[in-house]
Protein backbone atom coordinates (compact mmCIF):
# COMPACT_ATOMS: atom_id res chain seq x y z
CA UNK A 1 0.00 0.00 0.00
CA UNK A 2 1.32 3.45 -0.90
CA UNK A 3 1.98 5.54 2.23
CA UNK A 4 -0.06 8.72 2.61
CA UNK A 5 0.78 12.00 4.31
CA UNK A 6 -1.95 13.62 6.41
CA UNK A 7 -1.40 17.22 7.57
CA UNK A 8 -3.62 20.02 8.73
CA UNK A 9 -2.08 22.68 6.50
CA UNK A 10 -2.71 22.81 2.78
CA UNK A 11 -0.56 20.37 0.84
CA UNK A 12 1.68 21.65 -1.99
CA UNK A 13 0.20 21.47 -5.47
CA UNK A 14 3.05 19.25 -6.67
CA UNK A 15 2.26 16.70 -3.99
CA UNK A 16 -1.41 16.59 -4.98
CA UNK A 17 -0.48 16.11 -8.62
CA UNK A 18 1.85 13.19 -7.90
CA UNK A 19 -0.59 11.63 -5.42
CA UNK A 20 -3.39 11.64 -7.99
CA UNK A 21 -1.29 9.77 -10.58
CA UNK A 22 0.21 7.09 -8.31
CA UNK A 23 -1.46 3.77 -7.67
CA UNK A 24 -2.73 3.26 -4.13
CA UNK A 25 -1.91 -0.47 -4.23
CA UNK A 26 0.73 -2.51 -6.01
CA UNK A 27 1.22 -6.25 -6.15
CA UNK A 28 4.74 -7.65 -5.80
CA UNK A 29 5.51 -10.87 -7.64
CA UNK A 30 7.68 -12.66 -5.09
CA UNK A 31 8.25 -16.40 -4.85
CA UNK A 32 6.08 -17.77 -1.97
CA UNK A 33 9.13 -19.65 -0.68
CA UNK A 34 10.86 -16.31 -0.14
CA UNK A 35 7.87 -14.99 1.81
CA UNK A 36 8.01 -18.10 4.00
CA UNK A 37 11.74 -17.70 4.62
CA UNK A 38 11.33 -14.03 5.57
CA UNK A 39 8.33 -14.53 7.87
CA UNK A 40 9.93 -17.56 9.53
CA UNK A 41 12.99 -15.41 10.26
CA UNK A 42 10.78 -12.60 11.60
CA UNK A 43 9.12 -15.09 13.95
CA UNK A 44 12.54 -15.58 15.59
CA UNK A 45 12.79 -11.87 16.49
CA UNK A 46 10.54 -12.09 19.63
CA UNK A 47 11.92 -15.55 20.44
CA UNK A 48 14.82 -16.37 22.79
CA UNK A 49 18.00 -15.10 21.15
CA UNK A 50 16.12 -12.59 18.98
CA UNK A 51 16.50 -8.82 19.06
CA UNK A 52 13.13 -8.53 20.90
CA UNK A 53 13.22 -11.63 23.10
CA UNK A 54 11.65 -9.70 25.99
CA UNK A 55 8.52 -9.16 23.84
CA UNK A 56 7.85 -12.90 23.50
CA UNK A 57 4.20 -13.98 23.93
CA UNK A 58 3.57 -17.57 24.99
CA UNK A 59 1.45 -19.64 22.59
CA UNK A 60 1.16 -16.85 20.00
CA UNK A 61 2.63 -16.98 16.50
CA UNK A 62 4.14 -13.50 16.83
CA UNK A 63 6.59 -12.16 14.24
CA UNK A 64 8.13 -8.77 13.58
CA UNK A 65 11.18 -6.58 13.04
CA UNK A 66 12.98 -4.20 15.36
CA UNK A 67 14.69 -1.00 14.28
CA UNK A 68 16.07 2.30 15.48
CA UNK A 69 16.41 5.70 13.83
CA UNK A 70 18.77 8.50 14.79
CA UNK A 71 17.19 11.89 15.39
CA UNK A 72 20.60 13.37 14.68
CA UNK A 73 24.20 12.23 14.50
CA UNK A 74 25.11 10.55 17.77
CA UNK A 75 28.64 11.90 17.51
CA UNK A 76 27.30 15.43 17.02
CA UNK A 77 24.88 15.01 19.93
CA UNK A 78 27.75 14.03 22.21
CA UNK A 79 29.79 17.03 21.17
CA UNK A 80 26.78 19.27 21.79
CA UNK A 81 26.18 17.72 25.19
CA UNK A 82 22.67 16.52 24.23
CA UNK A 83 23.22 12.77 24.42
CA UNK A 84 20.32 12.18 26.81
CA UNK A 85 17.87 14.52 25.09
CA UNK A 86 18.55 13.25 21.55
CA UNK A 87 18.18 9.48 21.99
CA UNK A 88 17.45 7.35 18.95
CA UNK A 89 13.84 6.57 18.17
CA UNK A 90 12.84 2.91 18.60
CA UNK A 91 10.71 1.19 15.95
CA UNK A 92 8.94 -2.13 15.76
CA UNK A 93 6.48 -3.68 13.33
CA UNK A 94 4.80 -6.90 14.50
CA UNK A 95 1.99 -9.15 13.27
CA UNK A 96 0.13 -12.40 13.89
CA UNK A 97 -0.06 -15.00 12.53
CA UNK A 98 3.12 -15.08 10.49
CA UNK A 99 1.21 -16.23 7.39
CA UNK A 100 -1.61 -13.98 6.14
CA UNK A 101 -1.70 -11.89 9.34
CA UNK A 102 -4.96 -10.63 10.79
CA UNK A 103 -3.39 -7.72 12.65
CA UNK A 104 -0.24 -5.64 12.09
CA UNK A 105 1.02 -3.21 14.74
CA UNK A 106 3.63 -0.53 14.14
CA UNK A 107 5.12 1.31 17.14
CA UNK A 108 7.33 4.41 17.14
CA UNK A 109 8.80 4.94 20.61
CA UNK A 110 10.33 8.41 20.54
CA UNK A 111 13.62 8.39 22.41
CA UNK A 112 13.25 4.67 23.11
CA UNK A 113 16.73 3.98 21.67
CA UNK A 114 16.28 0.26 20.95
CA UNK A 115 13.60 -1.60 18.99
CA UNK A 116 13.05 -4.17 21.72
CA UNK A 117 11.35 -1.52 23.88
CA UNK A 118 8.96 -0.61 21.06
CA UNK A 119 8.36 -4.36 20.58
CA UNK A 120 7.18 -4.71 24.18
CA UNK A 121 4.50 -2.12 23.52
CA UNK A 122 3.40 -3.81 20.29
CA UNK A 123 3.30 -7.18 22.08
CA UNK A 124 0.68 -5.88 24.49
CA UNK A 125 -1.57 -4.85 21.60
CA UNK A 126 -1.05 -8.19 19.82
CA UNK A 127 -1.79 -10.16 22.99
CA UNK A 128 -4.95 -8.17 23.73
CA UNK A 129 -6.20 -8.81 20.19
CA UNK A 130 -5.46 -12.55 20.25
CA UNK A 131 -7.01 -12.99 23.69
CA UNK A 132 -10.16 -11.22 22.53
CA UNK A 133 -10.40 -13.37 19.38
CA UNK A 134 -9.88 -16.58 21.32
CA UNK A 135 -12.41 -15.67 23.99
CA UNK A 136 -14.92 -14.82 21.29
CA UNK A 137 -14.34 -18.19 19.59
CA UNK A 138 -14.87 -20.01 22.88
CA UNK A 139 -18.08 -18.10 23.59
CA UNK A 140 -19.39 -18.87 20.10
CA UNK A 141 -18.65 -22.54 20.59
CA UNK A 142 -20.39 -22.52 23.94
CA UNK A 143 -23.47 -21.02 22.33
CA UNK A 144 -23.55 -23.67 19.60
CA UNK A 145 -22.78 -26.74 21.72
CA UNK A 146 -24.91 -27.35 24.82
CA UNK A 147 -22.79 -28.48 27.73
CA UNK A 148 -19.52 -27.48 26.02
CA UNK A 149 -16.66 -26.94 28.47
CA UNK A 150 -13.28 -25.72 27.17
CA UNK A 151 -10.54 -28.21 27.91
CA UNK A 152 -7.45 -27.37 29.95
CA UNK A 153 -4.24 -26.11 28.40
CA UNK A 154 -3.53 -23.50 25.72
CA UNK A 155 -5.85 -23.09 22.78
CA UNK A 156 -4.29 -24.16 19.48
CA UNK A 157 -5.61 -22.04 16.65
CA UNK A 158 -4.25 -20.00 13.76
CA UNK A 159 -2.58 -17.62 16.22
CA UNK A 160 -0.61 -20.44 17.87
CA UNK A 161 2.96 -21.20 16.78
CA UNK A 162 3.24 -24.08 14.30
CA UNK A 163 3.37 -27.41 16.06
CA UNK A 164 6.59 -29.39 16.01
CA UNK A 165 6.43 -33.11 15.42
CA UNK A 166 7.37 -34.96 18.62
CA UNK A 167 8.32 -38.61 18.50
CA UNK A 168 7.20 -40.73 21.48
CA UNK A 169 9.96 -41.81 23.82
CA UNK A 170 10.80 -45.50 23.96
CA UNK A 171 12.29 -47.39 26.87
CA UNK A 172 15.06 -49.83 25.92
CA UNK A 173 13.87 -53.42 25.99
CA UNK A 174 10.19 -52.53 26.19
CA UNK A 175 7.73 -53.72 23.60
CA UNK A 176 6.48 -50.76 21.62
CA UNK A 177 3.02 -50.69 20.11
CA UNK A 178 4.17 -49.23 16.83
CA UNK A 179 0.72 -49.63 15.29
CA UNK A 180 -0.61 -47.09 17.81
CA UNK A 181 1.20 -44.33 15.96
CA UNK A 182 -0.72 -42.37 13.35
CA UNK A 183 -0.42 -43.50 9.76
CA UNK A 184 1.82 -41.30 7.66
CA UNK A 185 2.70 -41.31 4.01
CA UNK A 186 6.35 -41.77 3.10
CA UNK A 187 7.66 -40.37 -0.15
CA UNK A 188 10.83 -41.51 -1.86
CA UNK A 189 12.49 -41.40 -5.26
CA UNK A 190 14.39 -44.14 -7.05
CA UNK A 191 16.63 -44.70 -10.05
CA UNK A 192 17.15 -48.17 -11.43
CA UNK A 193 18.59 -49.98 -14.42
CA UNK A 194 16.11 -51.79 -16.60
CA UNK A 195 17.16 -55.18 -17.99
CA UNK A 196 16.35 -56.50 -21.46
CA UNK A 197 13.74 -59.22 -21.94
CA UNK A 198 16.50 -61.84 -21.74
CA UNK A 199 17.60 -60.51 -18.34
CA UNK A 200 20.69 -58.76 -19.68
CA UNK A 201 21.24 -55.50 -17.84
CA UNK A 202 24.63 -54.68 -19.34
CA UNK A 203 23.23 -51.65 -21.21
CA UNK A 204 24.08 -48.99 -18.64
CA UNK A 205 22.25 -46.28 -20.57
CA UNK A 206 18.81 -47.72 -19.91
CA UNK A 207 17.92 -46.09 -16.61
CA UNK A 208 14.50 -45.45 -15.13
CA UNK A 209 13.43 -43.14 -12.34
CA UNK A 210 10.29 -42.37 -10.39
CA UNK A 211 8.74 -40.96 -7.25
CA UNK A 212 6.58 -43.11 -5.00
CA UNK A 213 4.34 -42.75 -1.96
CA UNK A 214 3.36 -45.48 0.45
CA UNK A 215 1.61 -45.73 3.77
CA UNK A 216 4.21 -45.93 6.53
CA UNK A 217 2.48 -47.50 9.50
CA UNK A 218 5.00 -49.66 11.40
CA UNK A 219 3.90 -53.06 12.62
CA UNK A 220 4.07 -54.16 16.22
CA UNK A 221 7.66 -54.96 17.09
CA UNK A 222 10.13 -55.34 19.92
CA UNK A 223 13.30 -53.34 20.34
CA UNK A 224 16.45 -55.33 19.57
CA UNK A 225 18.58 -56.21 22.60
CA UNK A 226 21.64 -57.14 20.56
CA UNK A 227 22.88 -57.02 17.00
CA UNK A 228 21.55 -59.76 14.67
CA UNK A 229 23.37 -63.03 15.31
CA UNK A 230 24.62 -61.91 18.72
CA UNK A 231 23.44 -63.19 22.07
CA UNK A 232 22.67 -60.34 24.46
CA UNK A 233 23.99 -62.49 27.30
CA UNK A 234 27.38 -62.89 25.66
CA UNK A 235 28.34 -59.29 26.47
CA UNK A 236 29.42 -58.73 22.91
CA UNK A 237 31.89 -61.64 22.73
C-alpha atoms as a PDB file:
ATOM      1  CA  UNK A   1       0.000   0.000   0.000  1.00  0.00           C
ATOM      2  CA  UNK A   2       1.324   3.448  -0.898  1.00  0.00           C
ATOM      3  CA  UNK A   3       1.979   5.535   2.231  1.00  0.00           C
ATOM      4  CA  UNK A   4      -0.064   8.720   2.609  1.00  0.00           C
ATOM      5  CA  UNK A   5       0.780  12.004   4.315  1.00  0.00           C
ATOM      6  CA  UNK A   6      -1.947  13.617   6.406  1.00  0.00           C
ATOM      7  CA  UNK A   7      -1.398  17.215   7.566  1.00  0.00           C
ATOM      8  CA  UNK A   8      -3.619  20.022   8.725  1.00  0.00           C
ATOM      9  CA  UNK A   9      -2.079  22.682   6.504  1.00  0.00           C
ATOM     10  CA  UNK A  10      -2.711  22.806   2.782  1.00  0.00           C
ATOM     11  CA  UNK A  11      -0.555  20.366   0.836  1.00  0.00           C
ATOM     12  CA  UNK A  12       1.677  21.653  -1.990  1.00  0.00           C
ATOM     13  CA  UNK A  13       0.199  21.468  -5.470  1.00  0.00           C
ATOM     14  CA  UNK A  14       3.053  19.250  -6.669  1.00  0.00           C
ATOM     15  CA  UNK A  15       2.263  16.697  -3.985  1.00  0.00           C
ATOM     16  CA  UNK A  16      -1.410  16.589  -4.976  1.00  0.00           C
ATOM     17  CA  UNK A  17      -0.479  16.108  -8.625  1.00  0.00           C
ATOM     18  CA  UNK A  18       1.853  13.193  -7.901  1.00  0.00           C
ATOM     19  CA  UNK A  19      -0.585  11.625  -5.422  1.00  0.00           C
ATOM     20  CA  UNK A  20      -3.394  11.645  -7.986  1.00  0.00           C
ATOM     21  CA  UNK A  21      -1.291   9.772 -10.576  1.00  0.00           C
ATOM     22  CA  UNK A  22       0.207   7.095  -8.308  1.00  0.00           C
ATOM     23  CA  UNK A  23      -1.459   3.767  -7.666  1.00  0.00           C
ATOM     24  CA  UNK A  24      -2.728   3.265  -4.125  1.00  0.00           C
ATOM     25  CA  UNK A  25      -1.908  -0.472  -4.233  1.00  0.00           C
ATOM     26  CA  UNK A  26       0.732  -2.505  -6.015  1.00  0.00           C
ATOM     27  CA  UNK A  27       1.222  -6.255  -6.153  1.00  0.00           C
ATOM     28  CA  UNK A  28       4.742  -7.647  -5.796  1.00  0.00           C
ATOM     29  CA  UNK A  29       5.510 -10.871  -7.640  1.00  0.00           C
ATOM     30  CA  UNK A  30       7.678 -12.661  -5.086  1.00  0.00           C
ATOM     31  CA  UNK A  31       8.247 -16.399  -4.848  1.00  0.00           C
ATOM     32  CA  UNK A  32       6.079 -17.765  -1.970  1.00  0.00           C
ATOM     33  CA  UNK A  33       9.126 -19.649  -0.677  1.00  0.00           C
ATOM     34  CA  UNK A  34      10.865 -16.312  -0.137  1.00  0.00           C
ATOM     35  CA  UNK A  35       7.872 -14.994   1.807  1.00  0.00           C
ATOM     36  CA  UNK A  36       8.011 -18.097   3.997  1.00  0.00           C
ATOM     37  CA  UNK A  37      11.743 -17.705   4.622  1.00  0.00           C
ATOM     38  CA  UNK A  38      11.325 -14.029   5.570  1.00  0.00           C
ATOM     39  CA  UNK A  39       8.328 -14.526   7.868  1.00  0.00           C
ATOM     40  CA  UNK A  40       9.932 -17.558   9.534  1.00  0.00           C
ATOM     41  CA  UNK A  41      12.989 -15.407  10.263  1.00  0.00           C
ATOM     42  CA  UNK A  42      10.775 -12.598  11.602  1.00  0.00           C
ATOM     43  CA  UNK A  43       9.115 -15.093  13.952  1.00  0.00           C
ATOM     44  CA  UNK A  44      12.541 -15.577  15.585  1.00  0.00           C
ATOM     45  CA  UNK A  45      12.790 -11.870  16.491  1.00  0.00           C
ATOM     46  CA  UNK A  46      10.542 -12.093  19.625  1.00  0.00           C
ATOM     47  CA  UNK A  47      11.917 -15.552  20.438  1.00  0.00           C
ATOM     48  CA  UNK A  48      14.818 -16.372  22.787  1.00  0.00           C
ATOM     49  CA  UNK A  49      17.996 -15.098  21.150  1.00  0.00           C
ATOM     50  CA  UNK A  50      16.124 -12.595  18.980  1.00  0.00           C
ATOM     51  CA  UNK A  51      16.496  -8.820  19.061  1.00  0.00           C
ATOM     52  CA  UNK A  52      13.134  -8.528  20.898  1.00  0.00           C
ATOM     53  CA  UNK A  53      13.219 -11.628  23.100  1.00  0.00           C
ATOM     54  CA  UNK A  54      11.647  -9.698  25.992  1.00  0.00           C
ATOM     55  CA  UNK A  55       8.523  -9.163  23.842  1.00  0.00           C
ATOM     56  CA  UNK A  56       7.855 -12.898  23.498  1.00  0.00           C
ATOM     57  CA  UNK A  57       4.203 -13.978  23.928  1.00  0.00           C
ATOM     58  CA  UNK A  58       3.567 -17.573  24.985  1.00  0.00           C
ATOM     59  CA  UNK A  59       1.452 -19.639  22.587  1.00  0.00           C
ATOM     60  CA  UNK A  60       1.161 -16.852  20.004  1.00  0.00           C
ATOM     61  CA  UNK A  61       2.631 -16.979  16.504  1.00  0.00           C
ATOM     62  CA  UNK A  62       4.137 -13.504  16.830  1.00  0.00           C
ATOM     63  CA  UNK A  63       6.586 -12.157  14.238  1.00  0.00           C
ATOM     64  CA  UNK A  64       8.129  -8.773  13.583  1.00  0.00           C
ATOM     65  CA  UNK A  65      11.182  -6.584  13.035  1.00  0.00           C
ATOM     66  CA  UNK A  66      12.977  -4.200  15.355  1.00  0.00           C
ATOM     67  CA  UNK A  67      14.686  -1.000  14.279  1.00  0.00           C
ATOM     68  CA  UNK A  68      16.075   2.299  15.478  1.00  0.00           C
ATOM     69  CA  UNK A  69      16.412   5.704  13.827  1.00  0.00           C
ATOM     70  CA  UNK A  70      18.765   8.497  14.789  1.00  0.00           C
ATOM     71  CA  UNK A  71      17.186  11.885  15.392  1.00  0.00           C
ATOM     72  CA  UNK A  72      20.601  13.375  14.683  1.00  0.00           C
ATOM     73  CA  UNK A  73      24.195  12.232  14.502  1.00  0.00           C
ATOM     74  CA  UNK A  74      25.109  10.549  17.775  1.00  0.00           C
ATOM     75  CA  UNK A  75      28.643  11.901  17.511  1.00  0.00           C
ATOM     76  CA  UNK A  76      27.302  15.428  17.021  1.00  0.00           C
ATOM     77  CA  UNK A  77      24.881  15.009  19.930  1.00  0.00           C
ATOM     78  CA  UNK A  78      27.753  14.026  22.205  1.00  0.00           C
ATOM     79  CA  UNK A  79      29.787  17.035  21.168  1.00  0.00           C
ATOM     80  CA  UNK A  80      26.784  19.268  21.791  1.00  0.00           C
ATOM     81  CA  UNK A  81      26.182  17.724  25.192  1.00  0.00           C
ATOM     82  CA  UNK A  82      22.673  16.522  24.226  1.00  0.00           C
ATOM     83  CA  UNK A  83      23.217  12.773  24.419  1.00  0.00           C
ATOM     84  CA  UNK A  84      20.323  12.182  26.810  1.00  0.00           C
ATOM     85  CA  UNK A  85      17.872  14.517  25.086  1.00  0.00           C
ATOM     86  CA  UNK A  86      18.549  13.255  21.551  1.00  0.00           C
ATOM     87  CA  UNK A  87      18.181   9.483  21.990  1.00  0.00           C
ATOM     88  CA  UNK A  88      17.447   7.349  18.948  1.00  0.00           C
ATOM     89  CA  UNK A  89      13.838   6.565  18.173  1.00  0.00           C
ATOM     90  CA  UNK A  90      12.836   2.915  18.597  1.00  0.00           C
ATOM     91  CA  UNK A  91      10.714   1.186  15.948  1.00  0.00           C
ATOM     92  CA  UNK A  92       8.943  -2.132  15.761  1.00  0.00           C
ATOM     93  CA  UNK A  93       6.477  -3.683  13.333  1.00  0.00           C
ATOM     94  CA  UNK A  94       4.799  -6.897  14.500  1.00  0.00           C
ATOM     95  CA  UNK A  95       1.989  -9.146  13.270  1.00  0.00           C
ATOM     96  CA  UNK A  96       0.134 -12.395  13.889  1.00  0.00           C
ATOM     97  CA  UNK A  97      -0.064 -14.999  12.535  1.00  0.00           C
ATOM     98  CA  UNK A  98       3.121 -15.076  10.493  1.00  0.00           C
ATOM     99  CA  UNK A  99       1.210 -16.234   7.386  1.00  0.00           C
ATOM    100  CA  UNK A 100      -1.611 -13.977   6.140  1.00  0.00           C
ATOM    101  CA  UNK A 101      -1.697 -11.887   9.343  1.00  0.00           C
ATOM    102  CA  UNK A 102      -4.965 -10.626  10.794  1.00  0.00           C
ATOM    103  CA  UNK A 103      -3.390  -7.717  12.648  1.00  0.00           C
ATOM    104  CA  UNK A 104      -0.238  -5.636  12.093  1.00  0.00           C
ATOM    105  CA  UNK A 105       1.020  -3.212  14.743  1.00  0.00           C
ATOM    106  CA  UNK A 106       3.632  -0.528  14.140  1.00  0.00           C
ATOM    107  CA  UNK A 107       5.117   1.307  17.138  1.00  0.00           C
ATOM    108  CA  UNK A 108       7.326   4.407  17.145  1.00  0.00           C
ATOM    109  CA  UNK A 109       8.800   4.939  20.609  1.00  0.00           C
ATOM    110  CA  UNK A 110      10.335   8.412  20.537  1.00  0.00           C
ATOM    111  CA  UNK A 111      13.624   8.391  22.411  1.00  0.00           C
ATOM    112  CA  UNK A 112      13.252   4.669  23.105  1.00  0.00           C
ATOM    113  CA  UNK A 113      16.735   3.982  21.667  1.00  0.00           C
ATOM    114  CA  UNK A 114      16.284   0.262  20.949  1.00  0.00           C
ATOM    115  CA  UNK A 115      13.602  -1.596  18.990  1.00  0.00           C
ATOM    116  CA  UNK A 116      13.052  -4.165  21.723  1.00  0.00           C
ATOM    117  CA  UNK A 117      11.350  -1.522  23.878  1.00  0.00           C
ATOM    118  CA  UNK A 118       8.959  -0.615  21.055  1.00  0.00           C
ATOM    119  CA  UNK A 119       8.363  -4.357  20.581  1.00  0.00           C
ATOM    120  CA  UNK A 120       7.183  -4.712  24.181  1.00  0.00           C
ATOM    121  CA  UNK A 121       4.502  -2.116  23.525  1.00  0.00           C
ATOM    122  CA  UNK A 122       3.402  -3.808  20.291  1.00  0.00           C
ATOM    123  CA  UNK A 123       3.297  -7.183  22.076  1.00  0.00           C
ATOM    124  CA  UNK A 124       0.676  -5.878  24.493  1.00  0.00           C
ATOM    125  CA  UNK A 125      -1.568  -4.855  21.599  1.00  0.00           C
ATOM    126  CA  UNK A 126      -1.047  -8.191  19.820  1.00  0.00           C
ATOM    127  CA  UNK A 127      -1.791 -10.164  22.995  1.00  0.00           C
ATOM    128  CA  UNK A 128      -4.947  -8.168  23.726  1.00  0.00           C
ATOM    129  CA  UNK A 129      -6.197  -8.809  20.187  1.00  0.00           C
ATOM    130  CA  UNK A 130      -5.461 -12.548  20.250  1.00  0.00           C
ATOM    131  CA  UNK A 131      -7.013 -12.991  23.691  1.00  0.00           C
ATOM    132  CA  UNK A 132     -10.156 -11.225  22.525  1.00  0.00           C
ATOM    133  CA  UNK A 133     -10.403 -13.372  19.380  1.00  0.00           C
ATOM    134  CA  UNK A 134      -9.878 -16.585  21.323  1.00  0.00           C
ATOM    135  CA  UNK A 135     -12.406 -15.668  23.990  1.00  0.00           C
ATOM    136  CA  UNK A 136     -14.918 -14.819  21.286  1.00  0.00           C
ATOM    137  CA  UNK A 137     -14.337 -18.188  19.590  1.00  0.00           C
ATOM    138  CA  UNK A 138     -14.874 -20.009  22.882  1.00  0.00           C
ATOM    139  CA  UNK A 139     -18.078 -18.102  23.590  1.00  0.00           C
ATOM    140  CA  UNK A 140     -19.386 -18.870  20.100  1.00  0.00           C
ATOM    141  CA  UNK A 141     -18.649 -22.544  20.592  1.00  0.00           C
ATOM    142  CA  UNK A 142     -20.388 -22.518  23.945  1.00  0.00           C
ATOM    143  CA  UNK A 143     -23.472 -21.021  22.332  1.00  0.00           C
ATOM    144  CA  UNK A 144     -23.553 -23.671  19.595  1.00  0.00           C
ATOM    145  CA  UNK A 145     -22.783 -26.738  21.723  1.00  0.00           C
ATOM    146  CA  UNK A 146     -24.913 -27.348  24.822  1.00  0.00           C
ATOM    147  CA  UNK A 147     -22.786 -28.476  27.725  1.00  0.00           C
ATOM    148  CA  UNK A 148     -19.520 -27.481  26.018  1.00  0.00           C
ATOM    149  CA  UNK A 149     -16.662 -26.943  28.469  1.00  0.00           C
ATOM    150  CA  UNK A 150     -13.281 -25.718  27.167  1.00  0.00           C
ATOM    151  CA  UNK A 151     -10.539 -28.215  27.908  1.00  0.00           C
ATOM    152  CA  UNK A 152      -7.447 -27.372  29.952  1.00  0.00           C
ATOM    153  CA  UNK A 153      -4.236 -26.113  28.396  1.00  0.00           C
ATOM    154  CA  UNK A 154      -3.531 -23.502  25.718  1.00  0.00           C
ATOM    155  CA  UNK A 155      -5.854 -23.089  22.783  1.00  0.00           C
ATOM    156  CA  UNK A 156      -4.294 -24.159  19.485  1.00  0.00           C
ATOM    157  CA  UNK A 157      -5.605 -22.038  16.647  1.00  0.00           C
ATOM    158  CA  UNK A 158      -4.246 -20.003  13.763  1.00  0.00           C
ATOM    159  CA  UNK A 159      -2.580 -17.619  16.216  1.00  0.00           C
ATOM    160  CA  UNK A 160      -0.608 -20.440  17.872  1.00  0.00           C
ATOM    161  CA  UNK A 161       2.965 -21.200  16.782  1.00  0.00           C
ATOM    162  CA  UNK A 162       3.244 -24.076  14.300  1.00  0.00           C
ATOM    163  CA  UNK A 163       3.370 -27.406  16.059  1.00  0.00           C
ATOM    164  CA  UNK A 164       6.591 -29.388  16.007  1.00  0.00           C
ATOM    165  CA  UNK A 165       6.434 -33.113  15.419  1.00  0.00           C
ATOM    166  CA  UNK A 166       7.365 -34.956  18.619  1.00  0.00           C
ATOM    167  CA  UNK A 167       8.316 -38.613  18.502  1.00  0.00           C
ATOM    168  CA  UNK A 168       7.196 -40.733  21.476  1.00  0.00           C
ATOM    169  CA  UNK A 169       9.958 -41.812  23.824  1.00  0.00           C
ATOM    170  CA  UNK A 170      10.803 -45.500  23.957  1.00  0.00           C
ATOM    171  CA  UNK A 171      12.288 -47.390  26.869  1.00  0.00           C
ATOM    172  CA  UNK A 172      15.056 -49.827  25.922  1.00  0.00           C
ATOM    173  CA  UNK A 173      13.873 -53.424  25.987  1.00  0.00           C
ATOM    174  CA  UNK A 174      10.189 -52.530  26.193  1.00  0.00           C
ATOM    175  CA  UNK A 175       7.730 -53.720  23.603  1.00  0.00           C
ATOM    176  CA  UNK A 176       6.480 -50.757  21.615  1.00  0.00           C
ATOM    177  CA  UNK A 177       3.017 -50.695  20.115  1.00  0.00           C
ATOM    178  CA  UNK A 178       4.165 -49.234  16.829  1.00  0.00           C
ATOM    179  CA  UNK A 179       0.723 -49.634  15.292  1.00  0.00           C
ATOM    180  CA  UNK A 180      -0.614 -47.094  17.808  1.00  0.00           C
ATOM    181  CA  UNK A 181       1.201 -44.330  15.964  1.00  0.00           C
ATOM    182  CA  UNK A 182      -0.716 -42.368  13.350  1.00  0.00           C
ATOM    183  CA  UNK A 183      -0.424 -43.504   9.764  1.00  0.00           C
ATOM    184  CA  UNK A 184       1.823 -41.303   7.661  1.00  0.00           C
ATOM    185  CA  UNK A 185       2.698 -41.307   4.010  1.00  0.00           C
ATOM    186  CA  UNK A 186       6.345 -41.767   3.101  1.00  0.00           C
ATOM    187  CA  UNK A 187       7.664 -40.366  -0.147  1.00  0.00           C
ATOM    188  CA  UNK A 188      10.835 -41.512  -1.857  1.00  0.00           C
ATOM    189  CA  UNK A 189      12.490 -41.399  -5.256  1.00  0.00           C
ATOM    190  CA  UNK A 190      14.390 -44.137  -7.047  1.00  0.00           C
ATOM    191  CA  UNK A 191      16.625 -44.695 -10.047  1.00  0.00           C
ATOM    192  CA  UNK A 192      17.147 -48.168 -11.430  1.00  0.00           C
ATOM    193  CA  UNK A 193      18.589 -49.979 -14.415  1.00  0.00           C
ATOM    194  CA  UNK A 194      16.114 -51.788 -16.599  1.00  0.00           C
ATOM    195  CA  UNK A 195      17.161 -55.179 -17.987  1.00  0.00           C
ATOM    196  CA  UNK A 196      16.352 -56.500 -21.455  1.00  0.00           C
ATOM    197  CA  UNK A 197      13.742 -59.217 -21.942  1.00  0.00           C
ATOM    198  CA  UNK A 198      16.498 -61.841 -21.741  1.00  0.00           C
ATOM    199  CA  UNK A 199      17.596 -60.509 -18.344  1.00  0.00           C
ATOM    200  CA  UNK A 200      20.692 -58.764 -19.678  1.00  0.00           C
ATOM    201  CA  UNK A 201      21.242 -55.496 -17.836  1.00  0.00           C
ATOM    202  CA  UNK A 202      24.627 -54.680 -19.342  1.00  0.00           C
ATOM    203  CA  UNK A 203      23.230 -51.654 -21.205  1.00  0.00           C
ATOM    204  CA  UNK A 204      24.078 -48.992 -18.636  1.00  0.00           C
ATOM    205  CA  UNK A 205      22.254 -46.275 -20.571  1.00  0.00           C
ATOM    206  CA  UNK A 206      18.810 -47.723 -19.912  1.00  0.00           C
ATOM    207  CA  UNK A 207      17.915 -46.092 -16.613  1.00  0.00           C
ATOM    208  CA  UNK A 208      14.498 -45.451 -15.131  1.00  0.00           C
ATOM    209  CA  UNK A 209      13.427 -43.139 -12.338  1.00  0.00           C
ATOM    210  CA  UNK A 210      10.294 -42.375 -10.392  1.00  0.00           C
ATOM    211  CA  UNK A 211       8.736 -40.961  -7.251  1.00  0.00           C
ATOM    212  CA  UNK A 212       6.578 -43.106  -5.002  1.00  0.00           C
ATOM    213  CA  UNK A 213       4.342 -42.746  -1.962  1.00  0.00           C
ATOM    214  CA  UNK A 214       3.363 -45.477   0.447  1.00  0.00           C
ATOM    215  CA  UNK A 215       1.613 -45.734   3.774  1.00  0.00           C
ATOM    216  CA  UNK A 216       4.214 -45.931   6.534  1.00  0.00           C
ATOM    217  CA  UNK A 217       2.477 -47.505   9.500  1.00  0.00           C
ATOM    218  CA  UNK A 218       5.003 -49.657  11.398  1.00  0.00           C
ATOM    219  CA  UNK A 219       3.902 -53.059  12.618  1.00  0.00           C
ATOM    220  CA  UNK A 220       4.073 -54.164  16.217  1.00  0.00           C
ATOM    221  CA  UNK A 221       7.665 -54.957  17.092  1.00  0.00           C
ATOM    222  CA  UNK A 222      10.128 -55.340  19.916  1.00  0.00           C
ATOM    223  CA  UNK A 223      13.302 -53.342  20.343  1.00  0.00           C
ATOM    224  CA  UNK A 224      16.449 -55.330  19.575  1.00  0.00           C
ATOM    225  CA  UNK A 225      18.581 -56.208  22.598  1.00  0.00           C
ATOM    226  CA  UNK A 226      21.640 -57.143  20.563  1.00  0.00           C
ATOM    227  CA  UNK A 227      22.883 -57.017  16.998  1.00  0.00           C
ATOM    228  CA  UNK A 228      21.551 -59.757  14.670  1.00  0.00           C
ATOM    229  CA  UNK A 229      23.369 -63.030  15.310  1.00  0.00           C
ATOM    230  CA  UNK A 230      24.618 -61.913  18.721  1.00  0.00           C
ATOM    231  CA  UNK A 231      23.442 -63.193  22.072  1.00  0.00           C
ATOM    232  CA  UNK A 232      22.669 -60.343  24.457  1.00  0.00           C
ATOM    233  CA  UNK A 233      23.990 -62.489  27.301  1.00  0.00           C
ATOM    234  CA  UNK A 234      27.383 -62.888  25.664  1.00  0.00           C
ATOM    235  CA  UNK A 235      28.337 -59.290  26.471  1.00  0.00           C
ATOM    236  CA  UNK A 236      29.419 -58.735  22.911  1.00  0.00           C
ATOM    237  CA  UNK A 237      31.886 -61.644  22.726  1.00  0.00           C
END
